[in-house]
Amino acid sequence: MTRIGLIRSAVIVTMIAALELACRTGLIDHRIVIAPSEMASALVTLLASGSINADIERTLGIIAVVIALSVVLGFAVGVVIHALPHLREALDPFFATYYAVPIFIFYPVLIAIFGLSPMPIVLIGVATAIVAMIIATLNGLDRVPRVLVKVARVHRLGRVSTALRLQLPATAPYLFTGIKLSVSYAFIAVIAAEFILSPAGLGRDISDAYTDFENRRMYALILFLLIVATAVNAGLHALDMRFAERRSGGGP
């Protein structure tokens, strides 16, 4: 493990230990927050019972669909906008203020159109995550060295070959940033949408547990989502670092 990894792990362990101590000594009321060890114990019991398997499949499945659509469509839209300077000039102010718009205000309308199906949640998730990928794609394409285009012309590469062999690798760091942001926004949007008005899913479970004062169940579910989201982001970060090393010539 690297020095940075050790420091990061030490900070996390220290924070967990501090919360555990505060809960055990009564500094934090157990009716408000339970100790991390109790959260973990409750999560193990909950997973062993299998009572939330269907909700796990539903929520993580929706998140996976949202991420895939946001990344693919965001990249495609970004490429199109980059190729049309006048369109980009018109849309730039919109992108700059996009996340100031409360996207969830459209959720009741989507419910009225699609009913209590996963579709409104998917649309809310995509609407939240896709712009991060579009912006990342535009930033990456803006920073492709012009010399690469000249090299492509010298070697008489077509547009597709130029994009795949030269431009795509050059934009990779920015695209990876867009992917990581899309993943984060997808988790936030899907869980929040389920929490507000969904008949099922982990967000709905957390909402019901909160309403019924079932602290152990609520914090167990929150812990599960934290673990999954952290694992996914850690995996993406590791891939990003590995590709960065290969680009710099430091890897195989």
Protein backbone atom coordinates (compact mmCIF):
# COMPACT_ATOMS: atom_id res chain seq x y z
CA MET A 1 0.00 0.00 0.00
CA THR A 2 1.29 3.47 -0.87
CA ARG A 3 1.90 6.20 1.67
CA ILE A 4 -1.21 8.06 0.51
CA GLY A 5 -3.24 4.87 0.84
CA LEU A 6 -1.98 4.37 4.38
CA ILE A 7 -2.86 7.93 5.34
CA ARG A 8 -6.31 7.58 3.80
CA SER A 9 -6.90 4.30 5.65
CA ALA A 10 -5.69 5.80 8.91
CA VAL A 11 -8.08 8.74 8.57
CA ILE A 12 -11.04 6.42 7.89
CA VAL A 13 -10.19 4.12 10.80
CA THR A 14 -9.75 7.10 13.12
CA MET A 15 -13.13 8.55 12.15
CA ILE A 16 -14.88 5.19 12.64
CA ALA A 17 -13.18 4.69 16.01
CA ALA A 18 -14.15 8.21 17.12
CA LEU A 19 -17.78 7.62 16.16
CA GLU A 20 -17.77 4.25 17.90
CA LEU A 21 -16.36 5.81 21.07
CA ALA A 22 -18.83 8.71 20.97
CA CYS A 23 -21.77 6.32 20.61
CA ARG A 24 -20.57 3.90 23.27
CA THR A 25 -19.90 6.61 25.84
CA GLY A 26 -23.26 8.29 25.31
CA LEU A 27 -21.78 11.44 23.79
CA ILE A 28 -24.10 10.74 20.84
CA ASP A 29 -27.57 9.49 21.72
CA HIS A 30 -28.10 5.95 20.39
CA ARG A 31 -31.61 6.97 19.35
CA ILE A 32 -30.01 9.33 16.83
CA VAL A 33 -26.93 7.43 15.65
CA ILE A 34 -25.91 3.88 16.49
CA ALA A 35 -22.31 2.69 16.78
CA PRO A 36 -20.55 1.57 13.57
CA SER A 37 -20.13 -1.93 15.03
CA GLU A 38 -23.92 -2.14 15.50
CA MET A 39 -24.43 -0.94 11.93
CA ALA A 40 -22.15 -3.68 10.66
CA SER A 41 -23.85 -6.31 12.82
CA ALA A 42 -27.30 -5.20 11.64
CA LEU A 43 -26.14 -5.27 8.02
CA VAL A 44 -24.81 -8.81 8.32
CA THR A 45 -28.09 -9.95 9.87
CA LEU A 46 -30.11 -8.16 7.19
CA LEU A 47 -28.09 -9.64 4.31
CA ALA A 48 -28.23 -13.11 5.84
CA SER A 49 -32.01 -12.94 6.06
CA GLY A 50 -32.31 -12.26 2.32
CA SER A 51 -35.19 -9.86 2.93
CA ILE A 52 -33.64 -7.06 0.90
CA ASN A 53 -32.26 -9.12 -2.00
CA ALA A 54 -35.01 -8.00 -4.38
CA ASP A 55 -34.51 -4.35 -3.47
CA ILE A 56 -30.74 -4.66 -3.88
CA GLU A 57 -31.20 -6.13 -7.35
CA ARG A 58 -33.69 -3.43 -8.30
CA THR A 59 -31.67 -0.47 -7.04
CA LEU A 60 -28.24 -1.60 -8.26
CA GLY A 61 -29.77 -2.67 -11.58
CA ILE A 62 -31.29 0.78 -12.10
CA ILE A 63 -28.00 2.44 -11.12
CA ALA A 64 -26.10 0.26 -13.63
CA VAL A 65 -28.56 1.21 -16.41
CA VAL A 66 -28.31 4.90 -15.51
CA ILE A 67 -24.51 4.80 -15.53
CA ALA A 68 -24.37 2.98 -18.89
CA LEU A 69 -26.85 5.35 -20.55
CA SER A 70 -25.23 8.46 -19.07
CA VAL A 71 -21.72 7.49 -20.14
CA VAL A 72 -22.58 6.31 -23.66
CA LEU A 73 -25.10 9.04 -24.48
CA GLY A 74 -23.05 11.72 -22.72
CA PHE A 75 -19.98 10.83 -24.77
CA ALA A 76 -21.96 10.74 -28.04
CA VAL A 77 -23.70 14.06 -27.34
CA GLY A 78 -20.39 15.63 -26.31
CA VAL A 79 -18.77 14.59 -29.59
CA VAL A 80 -21.68 16.01 -31.61
CA ILE A 81 -21.71 19.31 -29.70
CA HIS A 82 -17.93 19.65 -30.07
CA ALA A 83 -18.28 19.25 -33.83
CA LEU A 84 -20.88 22.06 -33.97
CA PRO A 85 -19.28 25.25 -32.56
CA HIS A 86 -22.44 27.38 -32.85
CA LEU A 87 -24.50 24.80 -30.99
CA ARG A 88 -21.87 24.60 -28.28
CA GLU A 89 -21.78 28.37 -27.93
CA ALA A 90 -25.53 28.36 -27.40
CA LEU A 91 -25.41 25.50 -24.86
CA ASP A 92 -22.38 26.56 -22.79
CA PRO A 93 -24.39 28.84 -20.44
CA PHE A 94 -26.89 26.02 -19.96
CA PHE A 95 -24.14 23.57 -18.97
CA ALA A 96 -22.62 26.13 -16.59
CA THR A 97 -25.86 26.45 -14.62
CA TYR A 98 -27.34 22.99 -15.17
CA TYR A 99 -26.87 21.67 -11.64
CA ALA A 100 -28.57 24.75 -10.20
CA VAL A 101 -31.81 23.41 -11.70
CA PRO A 102 -33.78 21.19 -9.25
CA ILE A 103 -34.23 18.20 -11.56
CA PHE A 104 -36.42 16.38 -9.04
CA ILE A 105 -39.27 18.83 -9.65
CA PHE A 106 -39.99 16.83 -12.81
CA TYR A 107 -40.42 13.58 -10.89
CA PRO A 108 -44.21 13.99 -10.29
CA VAL A 109 -44.69 14.66 -14.01
CA LEU A 110 -42.73 11.54 -14.91
CA ILE A 111 -44.76 9.54 -12.40
CA ALA A 112 -47.95 10.76 -14.05
CA ILE A 113 -46.64 9.70 -17.47
CA PHE A 114 -44.89 6.41 -16.68
CA GLY A 115 -46.53 5.41 -13.40
CA LEU A 116 -44.68 3.86 -10.45
CA SER A 117 -42.27 1.97 -12.70
CA PRO A 118 -38.47 2.19 -12.76
CA MET A 119 -38.63 4.46 -15.84
CA PRO A 120 -39.06 7.79 -13.96
CA ILE A 121 -36.10 6.91 -11.73
CA VAL A 122 -33.97 5.98 -14.74
CA LEU A 123 -34.84 9.26 -16.49
CA ILE A 124 -34.13 11.32 -13.38
CA GLY A 125 -30.82 9.49 -12.94
CA VAL A 126 -29.76 9.99 -16.54
CA ALA A 127 -30.80 13.64 -16.49
CA THR A 128 -28.64 14.12 -13.39
CA ALA A 129 -25.55 12.19 -14.51
CA ILE A 130 -25.32 12.74 -18.27
CA VAL A 131 -24.24 16.38 -18.22
CA ALA A 132 -21.11 15.54 -16.23
CA MET A 133 -20.10 13.17 -19.03
CA ILE A 134 -20.93 15.69 -21.75
CA ILE A 135 -18.80 18.37 -20.08
CA ALA A 136 -15.92 15.92 -19.53
CA THR A 137 -16.06 14.88 -23.20
CA LEU A 138 -16.00 18.50 -24.35
CA ASN A 139 -13.07 19.30 -22.05
CA GLY A 140 -11.16 16.29 -23.31
CA LEU A 141 -11.73 17.06 -26.99
CA ASP A 142 -10.73 20.69 -26.42
CA ARG A 143 -7.37 19.53 -25.13
CA VAL A 144 -6.46 17.09 -27.89
CA PRO A 145 -3.10 18.36 -29.23
CA ARG A 146 -3.41 19.68 -32.76
CA VAL A 147 -0.26 17.82 -33.67
CA LEU A 148 -2.22 14.58 -33.42
CA VAL A 149 -4.54 15.74 -36.18
CA LYS A 150 -1.54 16.59 -38.33
CA VAL A 151 -0.03 13.16 -37.63
CA ALA A 152 -3.30 11.55 -38.71
CA ARG A 153 -3.25 13.49 -41.96
CA VAL A 154 0.36 12.54 -42.64
CA HIS A 155 -0.50 8.87 -42.17
CA ARG A 156 -3.74 9.31 -44.13
CA LEU A 157 -5.93 8.03 -41.34
CA GLY A 158 -9.68 8.27 -41.72
CA ARG A 159 -11.94 10.01 -39.20
CA VAL A 160 -12.78 6.80 -37.39
CA SER A 161 -9.15 5.66 -37.16
CA THR A 162 -8.07 9.12 -36.00
CA ALA A 163 -10.73 9.17 -33.30
CA LEU A 164 -10.04 5.65 -32.02
CA ARG A 165 -6.24 5.58 -32.28
CA LEU A 166 -5.31 9.17 -31.45
CA GLN A 167 -8.10 11.35 -30.09
CA LEU A 168 -9.74 8.82 -27.77
CA PRO A 169 -6.49 7.95 -25.90
CA ALA A 170 -5.70 11.66 -25.61
CA THR A 171 -9.08 12.40 -24.04
CA ALA A 172 -9.03 9.33 -21.75
CA PRO A 173 -8.12 11.18 -18.52
CA TYR A 174 -11.02 13.60 -18.97
CA LEU A 175 -13.42 10.84 -19.97
CA PHE A 176 -12.50 8.88 -16.84
CA THR A 177 -13.28 11.95 -14.76
CA GLY A 178 -16.66 12.14 -16.46
CA ILE A 179 -17.31 8.46 -15.78
CA LYS A 180 -16.47 8.82 -12.09
CA LEU A 181 -18.73 11.86 -11.75
CA SER A 182 -21.53 10.09 -13.62
CA VAL A 183 -21.26 7.13 -11.25
CA SER A 184 -21.48 9.41 -8.21
CA TYR A 185 -24.45 11.35 -9.61
CA ALA A 186 -26.20 8.11 -10.60
CA PHE A 187 -26.01 6.77 -7.03
CA ILE A 188 -27.26 10.06 -5.60
CA ALA A 189 -30.11 10.51 -8.07
CA VAL A 190 -31.43 6.93 -7.95
CA ILE A 191 -31.38 6.63 -4.15
CA ALA A 192 -32.94 10.08 -3.74
CA ALA A 193 -35.66 9.31 -6.29
CA GLU A 194 -36.48 6.03 -4.56
CA PHE A 195 -36.53 7.81 -1.21
CA ILE A 196 -39.05 10.40 -2.43
CA LEU A 197 -41.69 8.34 -4.20
CA SER A 198 -40.94 4.77 -5.17
CA PRO A 199 -42.78 1.55 -4.30
CA ALA A 200 -39.55 -0.41 -3.82
CA GLY A 201 -35.78 -0.19 -3.73
CA LEU A 202 -33.14 0.55 -1.13
CA GLY A 203 -34.06 4.23 -1.04
CA ARG A 204 -37.64 3.26 -0.22
CA ASP A 205 -36.40 0.88 2.48
CA ILE A 206 -34.35 3.64 4.09
CA SER A 207 -37.32 6.00 3.98
CA ASP A 208 -39.62 3.41 5.57
CA ALA A 209 -37.06 2.56 8.27
CA TYR A 210 -36.65 6.26 9.05
CA THR A 211 -40.43 6.75 9.30
CA ASP A 212 -40.81 3.69 11.55
CA PHE A 213 -37.84 4.66 13.78
CA GLU A 214 -36.00 1.44 12.87
CA ASN A 215 -32.52 2.83 13.40
CA ARG A 216 -30.65 -0.45 13.08
CA ARG A 217 -32.27 -1.26 9.74
CA MET A 218 -31.87 2.29 8.43
CA TYR A 219 -28.18 2.56 9.28
CA ALA A 220 -27.50 -0.96 8.01
CA LEU A 221 -28.94 0.01 4.62
CA ILE A 222 -27.00 3.28 4.58
CA LEU A 223 -23.81 1.38 5.43
CA PHE A 224 -24.46 -1.07 2.59
CA LEU A 225 -24.83 1.75 0.08
CA LEU A 226 -21.71 3.47 1.40
CA ILE A 227 -19.71 0.27 0.99
CA VAL A 228 -20.97 -0.36 -2.55
CA ALA A 229 -20.47 3.25 -3.70
CA THR A 230 -17.00 3.41 -2.14
CA ALA A 231 -15.97 0.10 -3.69
CA VAL A 232 -17.13 1.17 -7.16
CA ASN A 233 -15.37 4.53 -6.93
CA ALA A 234 -12.22 2.93 -5.53
CA GLY A 235 -12.19 0.48 -8.43
CA LEU A 236 -12.59 3.29 -10.97
CA HIS A 237 -9.84 5.28 -9.26
CA ALA A 238 -7.50 2.28 -9.36
CA LEU A 239 -8.19 1.80 -13.08
CA ASP A 240 -7.62 5.50 -13.71
CA MET A 241 -4.27 5.38 -11.92
CA ARG A 242 -3.22 2.26 -13.79
CA PHE A 243 -4.06 3.78 -17.16
CA ALA A 244 -2.25 6.97 -16.17
CA GLU A 245 0.89 4.95 -15.40
CA ARG A 246 0.67 3.19 -18.75
CA ARG A 247 0.22 6.48 -20.58
CA SER A 248 3.29 7.89 -18.84
CA GLY A 249 5.32 4.79 -19.62
CA GLY A 250 5.48 3.64 -16.01
CA GLY A 251 3.52 0.42 -16.49
CA PRO A 252 3.54 -2.70 -18.69
